[in-house]
Every structure is written in C-alpha cells, then in structure tokens.
Amino acid sequence: MDDIMKFISDYWLIIVIVISLFGSGSWFVTLQGKELRRKFEALGELKGKTKQEIIAAVGSPSAISGAADGKTLCQWMKTGFHIGLIFDGEVCEGISHMADVSEV
C-alpha cells in the first residue's frame, strides 16, 4: 500500500493530466462506432445504393436476416453505433433503424 501511495504522490500531476485528457475512457470504447457512423455519413443517401456499394464503403454487415416480403435486413454494429438497412434484392430501400450513442 505504501508503494501505491508513493507512486501517487510522486506522479499526481501526470495522473491528473491523463484523467482530464481521457476522462473515463468512454471516448475510446465508442471509437469504432464513431468511425462506422462517419463511413455511413460519407455515403450520403443510402436509398437506391446497392448492397455491394455499401459494403465496399463500410465493410461487411455484422448480421443479415430475412425480413417481410422476402426482403433482407443487414445490420452493422460497433459499440456506440448500430444501423439496420432493408434491401429488396441488392438495392437498399432505406434505414430500418439506427442507434447512435457514440457522442453521449
């Protein structure tokens, strides 16, 4: 315990600076979600784009499942960001759902 207290007393300023710069570390946890959101934003309007265009820009979906009327739901998920797109064949019909907590 004395070693820990000595370390803290010797390096308290550095510890304070590191904590103030990085906070609780949540910014790092959601970094991949922020990057995924930026990639989707760069694509602009998603409706009408092909599945391959979207995959080429943002990477493969995390999950693919069937949807009503023979359509497909593709979902991309990273900590802090989740988006689901509905496809009719290979063409995107739009966003099914989206959750963005990467900036919270």
N, C-alpha and C. Protein backbone atom coordinates (compact mmCIF):
# COMPACT_ATOMS: atom_id res chain seq x y z
N MET A 1 0.82 -1.19 0.00
CA MET A 1 0.00 0.00 0.00
C MET A 1 0.87 1.26 0.00
N ASP A 2 1.99 1.20 0.70
CA ASP A 2 2.89 2.34 0.75
C ASP A 2 3.46 2.65 -0.63
N ASP A 3 3.72 1.59 -1.42
CA ASP A 3 4.24 1.79 -2.77
C ASP A 3 3.24 2.54 -3.64
N ILE A 4 1.98 2.21 -3.50
CA ILE A 4 0.94 2.88 -4.29
C ILE A 4 0.84 4.34 -3.89
N MET A 5 0.84 4.62 -2.62
CA MET A 5 0.76 6.00 -2.15
C MET A 5 1.98 6.81 -2.59
N LYS A 6 3.15 6.21 -2.57
CA LYS A 6 4.37 6.89 -3.02
C LYS A 6 4.26 7.20 -4.51
N PHE A 7 3.78 6.23 -5.29
CA PHE A 7 3.62 6.44 -6.73
C PHE A 7 2.65 7.60 -6.99
N ILE A 8 1.52 7.58 -6.30
CA ILE A 8 0.53 8.64 -6.48
C ILE A 8 1.11 9.99 -6.09
N SER A 9 1.82 10.04 -4.98
CA SER A 9 2.37 11.33 -4.54
C SER A 9 3.47 11.81 -5.48
N ASP A 10 4.22 10.91 -6.07
CA ASP A 10 5.29 11.29 -7.00
C ASP A 10 4.74 11.72 -8.36
N TYR A 11 3.64 11.10 -8.78
CA TYR A 11 3.15 11.31 -10.15
C TYR A 11 1.74 11.89 -10.19
N TRP A 12 1.31 12.58 -9.15
CA TRP A 12 -0.05 13.07 -9.08
C TRP A 12 -0.40 14.00 -10.23
N LEU A 13 0.51 14.85 -10.64
CA LEU A 13 0.22 15.79 -11.72
C LEU A 13 0.00 15.04 -13.04
N ILE A 14 0.83 14.09 -13.33
CA ILE A 14 0.68 13.30 -14.55
C ILE A 14 -0.64 12.54 -14.52
N ILE A 15 -0.99 11.99 -13.37
CA ILE A 15 -2.25 11.26 -13.22
C ILE A 15 -3.43 12.18 -13.49
N VAL A 16 -3.41 13.38 -12.95
CA VAL A 16 -4.49 14.34 -13.16
C VAL A 16 -4.60 14.72 -14.64
N ILE A 17 -3.48 14.95 -15.29
CA ILE A 17 -3.48 15.31 -16.71
C ILE A 17 -4.06 14.17 -17.55
N VAL A 18 -3.63 12.96 -17.30
CA VAL A 18 -4.12 11.81 -18.06
C VAL A 18 -5.62 11.64 -17.87
N ILE A 19 -6.09 11.74 -16.63
CA ILE A 19 -7.53 11.60 -16.36
C ILE A 19 -8.32 12.71 -17.04
N SER A 20 -7.80 13.94 -17.03
CA SER A 20 -8.53 15.04 -17.65
C SER A 20 -8.55 14.91 -19.17
N LEU A 21 -7.49 14.38 -19.75
CA LEU A 21 -7.45 14.21 -21.21
C LEU A 21 -8.34 13.08 -21.69
N PHE A 22 -8.36 11.99 -20.96
CA PHE A 22 -9.06 10.80 -21.42
C PHE A 22 -10.35 10.51 -20.68
N GLY A 23 -10.67 11.27 -19.68
CA GLY A 23 -11.91 11.06 -18.94
C GLY A 23 -12.01 9.63 -18.45
N SER A 24 -13.18 9.09 -18.58
CA SER A 24 -13.41 7.73 -18.11
C SER A 24 -13.00 6.70 -19.15
N GLY A 25 -12.58 7.15 -20.32
CA GLY A 25 -12.19 6.21 -21.36
C GLY A 25 -13.33 5.88 -22.30
N SER A 26 -14.51 6.45 -22.08
CA SER A 26 -15.65 6.10 -22.93
C SER A 26 -15.43 6.52 -24.38
N TRP A 27 -14.66 7.59 -24.59
CA TRP A 27 -14.39 8.02 -25.97
C TRP A 27 -13.68 6.91 -26.73
N PHE A 28 -12.81 6.18 -26.05
CA PHE A 28 -12.07 5.11 -26.71
C PHE A 28 -12.97 3.92 -26.99
N VAL A 29 -13.86 3.63 -26.08
CA VAL A 29 -14.76 2.48 -26.23
C VAL A 29 -15.64 2.65 -27.46
N THR A 30 -16.09 3.87 -27.74
CA THR A 30 -17.00 4.11 -28.86
C THR A 30 -16.29 4.54 -30.14
N LEU A 31 -14.98 4.47 -30.15
CA LEU A 31 -14.21 4.92 -31.31
C LEU A 31 -14.61 4.19 -32.59
N GLN A 32 -14.77 2.88 -32.54
CA GLN A 32 -15.16 2.13 -33.73
C GLN A 32 -16.57 2.50 -34.19
N GLY A 33 -17.46 2.77 -33.25
CA GLY A 33 -18.81 3.20 -33.60
C GLY A 33 -18.81 4.55 -34.30
N LYS A 34 -17.97 5.46 -33.81
CA LYS A 34 -17.86 6.78 -34.45
C LYS A 34 -17.34 6.65 -35.88
N GLU A 35 -16.35 5.78 -36.06
CA GLU A 35 -15.78 5.58 -37.40
C GLU A 35 -16.82 4.97 -38.34
N LEU A 36 -17.57 4.00 -37.86
CA LEU A 36 -18.62 3.39 -38.69
C LEU A 36 -19.67 4.43 -39.07
N ARG A 37 -20.08 5.27 -38.11
CA ARG A 37 -21.06 6.33 -38.41
C ARG A 37 -20.51 7.28 -39.48
N ARG A 38 -19.23 7.65 -39.37
CA ARG A 38 -18.63 8.55 -40.37
C ARG A 38 -18.65 7.93 -41.77
N LYS A 39 -18.39 6.63 -41.83
CA LYS A 39 -18.41 5.95 -43.14
C LYS A 39 -19.80 5.99 -43.75
N PHE A 40 -20.83 5.76 -42.93
CA PHE A 40 -22.20 5.83 -43.44
C PHE A 40 -22.56 7.25 -43.85
N GLU A 41 -22.15 8.23 -43.06
CA GLU A 41 -22.42 9.62 -43.41
C GLU A 41 -21.78 10.00 -44.74
N ALA A 42 -20.58 9.49 -44.98
CA ALA A 42 -19.86 9.80 -46.23
C ALA A 42 -20.58 9.24 -47.45
N LEU A 43 -21.36 8.18 -47.26
CA LEU A 43 -22.11 7.59 -48.38
C LEU A 43 -23.26 8.47 -48.83
N GLY A 44 -23.73 9.34 -47.95
CA GLY A 44 -24.88 10.18 -48.29
C GLY A 44 -26.17 9.37 -48.29
N GLU A 45 -27.05 9.66 -49.22
CA GLU A 45 -28.35 8.96 -49.33
C GLU A 45 -28.12 7.48 -49.58
N LEU A 46 -28.68 6.65 -48.71
CA LEU A 46 -28.49 5.20 -48.83
C LEU A 46 -29.51 4.55 -49.75
N LYS A 47 -30.72 5.10 -49.77
CA LYS A 47 -31.79 4.54 -50.60
C LYS A 47 -31.35 4.54 -52.06
N GLY A 48 -31.45 3.34 -52.68
CA GLY A 48 -31.08 3.21 -54.09
C GLY A 48 -29.67 2.68 -54.31
N LYS A 49 -28.84 2.73 -53.28
CA LYS A 49 -27.48 2.18 -53.41
C LYS A 49 -27.54 0.66 -53.35
N THR A 50 -26.59 0.01 -54.01
CA THR A 50 -26.56 -1.44 -53.97
C THR A 50 -25.86 -1.93 -52.70
N LYS A 51 -26.15 -3.17 -52.36
CA LYS A 51 -25.54 -3.78 -51.19
C LYS A 51 -24.01 -3.76 -51.34
N GLN A 52 -23.52 -4.03 -52.53
CA GLN A 52 -22.07 -4.05 -52.75
C GLN A 52 -21.44 -2.67 -52.62
N GLU A 53 -22.13 -1.63 -53.06
CA GLU A 53 -21.63 -0.26 -52.88
C GLU A 53 -21.46 0.07 -51.39
N ILE A 54 -22.47 -0.31 -50.62
CA ILE A 54 -22.44 -0.01 -49.19
C ILE A 54 -21.36 -0.84 -48.50
N ILE A 55 -21.28 -2.13 -48.81
CA ILE A 55 -20.27 -2.98 -48.20
C ILE A 55 -18.86 -2.51 -48.56
N ALA A 56 -18.67 -2.07 -49.79
CA ALA A 56 -17.36 -1.57 -50.20
C ALA A 56 -16.94 -0.35 -49.39
N ALA A 57 -17.93 0.46 -48.98
CA ALA A 57 -17.63 1.70 -48.26
C ALA A 57 -17.51 1.51 -46.74
N VAL A 58 -18.31 0.59 -46.18
CA VAL A 58 -18.35 0.49 -44.71
C VAL A 58 -17.93 -0.87 -44.17
N GLY A 59 -17.77 -1.85 -45.03
CA GLY A 59 -17.41 -3.19 -44.58
C GLY A 59 -18.63 -4.10 -44.52
N SER A 60 -18.39 -5.36 -44.25
CA SER A 60 -19.46 -6.36 -44.22
C SER A 60 -20.39 -6.12 -43.04
N PRO A 61 -21.67 -6.46 -43.21
CA PRO A 61 -22.60 -6.32 -42.09
C PRO A 61 -22.26 -7.29 -40.97
N SER A 62 -22.64 -6.91 -39.76
CA SER A 62 -22.45 -7.77 -38.59
C SER A 62 -23.48 -8.88 -38.55
N ALA A 63 -24.66 -8.61 -39.11
CA ALA A 63 -25.74 -9.60 -39.12
C ALA A 63 -26.61 -9.39 -40.36
N ILE A 64 -27.11 -10.50 -40.88
CA ILE A 64 -28.03 -10.48 -42.02
C ILE A 64 -29.19 -11.40 -41.68
N SER A 65 -30.41 -10.91 -41.88
CA SER A 65 -31.57 -11.75 -41.58
C SER A 65 -32.69 -11.44 -42.57
N GLY A 66 -33.63 -12.39 -42.66
CA GLY A 66 -34.78 -12.20 -43.53
C GLY A 66 -35.74 -11.18 -42.94
N ALA A 67 -36.45 -10.50 -43.80
CA ALA A 67 -37.46 -9.52 -43.38
C ALA A 67 -38.75 -9.81 -44.15
N ALA A 68 -39.78 -9.07 -43.86
CA ALA A 68 -41.08 -9.26 -44.52
C ALA A 68 -40.98 -9.11 -46.03
N ASP A 69 -41.86 -9.79 -46.72
CA ASP A 69 -41.98 -9.70 -48.18
C ASP A 69 -40.71 -10.14 -48.90
N GLY A 70 -39.94 -11.05 -48.32
CA GLY A 70 -38.74 -11.57 -48.97
C GLY A 70 -37.57 -10.60 -49.01
N LYS A 71 -37.65 -9.57 -48.23
CA LYS A 71 -36.56 -8.58 -48.19
C LYS A 71 -35.51 -9.04 -47.18
N THR A 72 -34.40 -8.31 -47.15
CA THR A 72 -33.28 -8.66 -46.27
C THR A 72 -32.95 -7.48 -45.37
N LEU A 73 -32.69 -7.78 -44.10
CA LEU A 73 -32.24 -6.77 -43.15
C LEU A 73 -30.76 -7.01 -42.91
N CYS A 74 -29.94 -6.01 -43.23
CA CYS A 74 -28.50 -6.07 -42.95
C CYS A 74 -28.21 -5.07 -41.85
N GLN A 75 -27.45 -5.52 -40.84
CA GLN A 75 -27.15 -4.65 -39.70
C GLN A 75 -25.65 -4.53 -39.50
N TRP A 76 -25.22 -3.30 -39.25
CA TRP A 76 -23.82 -3.02 -38.92
C TRP A 76 -23.82 -2.53 -37.48
N MET A 77 -22.96 -3.13 -36.65
CA MET A 77 -22.93 -2.81 -35.23
C MET A 77 -21.50 -2.68 -34.73
N LYS A 78 -21.23 -1.57 -34.12
CA LYS A 78 -19.99 -1.34 -33.38
C LYS A 78 -20.41 -0.61 -32.10
N THR A 79 -19.64 -0.74 -31.06
CA THR A 79 -20.01 -0.11 -29.79
C THR A 79 -20.28 1.38 -29.99
N GLY A 80 -21.49 1.80 -29.67
CA GLY A 80 -21.89 3.20 -29.80
C GLY A 80 -22.69 3.50 -31.05
N PHE A 81 -22.72 2.59 -32.02
CA PHE A 81 -23.46 2.85 -33.26
C PHE A 81 -24.00 1.56 -33.84
N HIS A 82 -25.26 1.59 -34.26
CA HIS A 82 -25.93 0.42 -34.84
C HIS A 82 -26.89 0.94 -35.89
N ILE A 83 -26.81 0.36 -37.09
CA ILE A 83 -27.71 0.75 -38.17
C ILE A 83 -28.21 -0.50 -38.88
N GLY A 84 -29.49 -0.51 -39.20
CA GLY A 84 -30.09 -1.60 -39.96
C GLY A 84 -30.65 -1.06 -41.26
N LEU A 85 -30.32 -1.73 -42.35
CA LEU A 85 -30.81 -1.32 -43.68
C LEU A 85 -31.66 -2.43 -44.28
N ILE A 86 -32.76 -2.06 -44.92
CA ILE A 86 -33.63 -3.01 -45.61
C ILE A 86 -33.24 -3.03 -47.09
N PHE A 87 -33.08 -4.25 -47.60
CA PHE A 87 -32.74 -4.44 -49.02
C PHE A 87 -33.83 -5.24 -49.70
N ASP A 88 -34.18 -4.81 -50.90
CA ASP A 88 -35.04 -5.59 -51.78
C ASP A 88 -34.12 -6.11 -52.87
N GLY A 89 -33.76 -7.37 -52.77
CA GLY A 89 -32.72 -7.92 -53.65
C GLY A 89 -31.40 -7.30 -53.26
N GLU A 90 -30.78 -6.63 -54.19
CA GLU A 90 -29.47 -6.00 -53.94
C GLU A 90 -29.56 -4.49 -53.73
N VAL A 91 -30.77 -3.94 -53.74
CA VAL A 91 -30.94 -2.48 -53.66
C VAL A 91 -31.48 -2.07 -52.29
N CYS A 92 -30.84 -1.08 -51.71
CA CYS A 92 -31.23 -0.57 -50.40
C CYS A 92 -32.52 0.25 -50.51
N GLU A 93 -33.47 -0.08 -49.64
CA GLU A 93 -34.72 0.69 -49.58
C GLU A 93 -34.67 1.78 -48.52
N GLY A 94 -33.66 1.72 -47.66
CA GLY A 94 -33.52 2.75 -46.63
C GLY A 94 -33.17 2.17 -45.28
N ILE A 95 -33.17 3.06 -44.30
CA ILE A 95 -32.80 2.70 -42.94
C ILE A 95 -34.01 2.10 -42.22
N SER A 96 -33.83 0.92 -41.66
CA SER A 96 -34.86 0.29 -40.85
C SER A 96 -34.82 0.86 -39.44
N HIS A 97 -33.62 0.96 -38.87
CA HIS A 97 -33.45 1.50 -37.53
C HIS A 97 -31.99 1.94 -37.36
N MET A 98 -31.80 2.84 -36.41
CA MET A 98 -30.44 3.32 -36.14
C MET A 98 -30.37 3.77 -34.69
N ALA A 99 -29.27 3.44 -34.05
CA ALA A 99 -28.99 3.91 -32.68
C ALA A 99 -27.58 4.46 -32.66
N ASP A 100 -27.45 5.70 -32.21
CA ASP A 100 -26.14 6.35 -32.16
C ASP A 100 -25.92 6.94 -30.78
N VAL A 101 -25.11 6.28 -29.99
CA VAL A 101 -24.76 6.80 -28.67
C VAL A 101 -23.25 7.07 -28.60
N SER A 102 -22.63 7.18 -29.77
CA SER A 102 -21.18 7.35 -29.82
C SER A 102 -20.73 8.73 -29.33
N GLU A 103 -21.64 9.70 -29.27
CA GLU A 103 -21.27 11.05 -28.84
C GLU A 103 -21.78 11.36 -27.44
N VAL A 104 -22.44 10.42 -26.80
CA VAL A 104 -23.01 10.66 -25.47
C VAL A 104 -21.93 10.65 -24.43
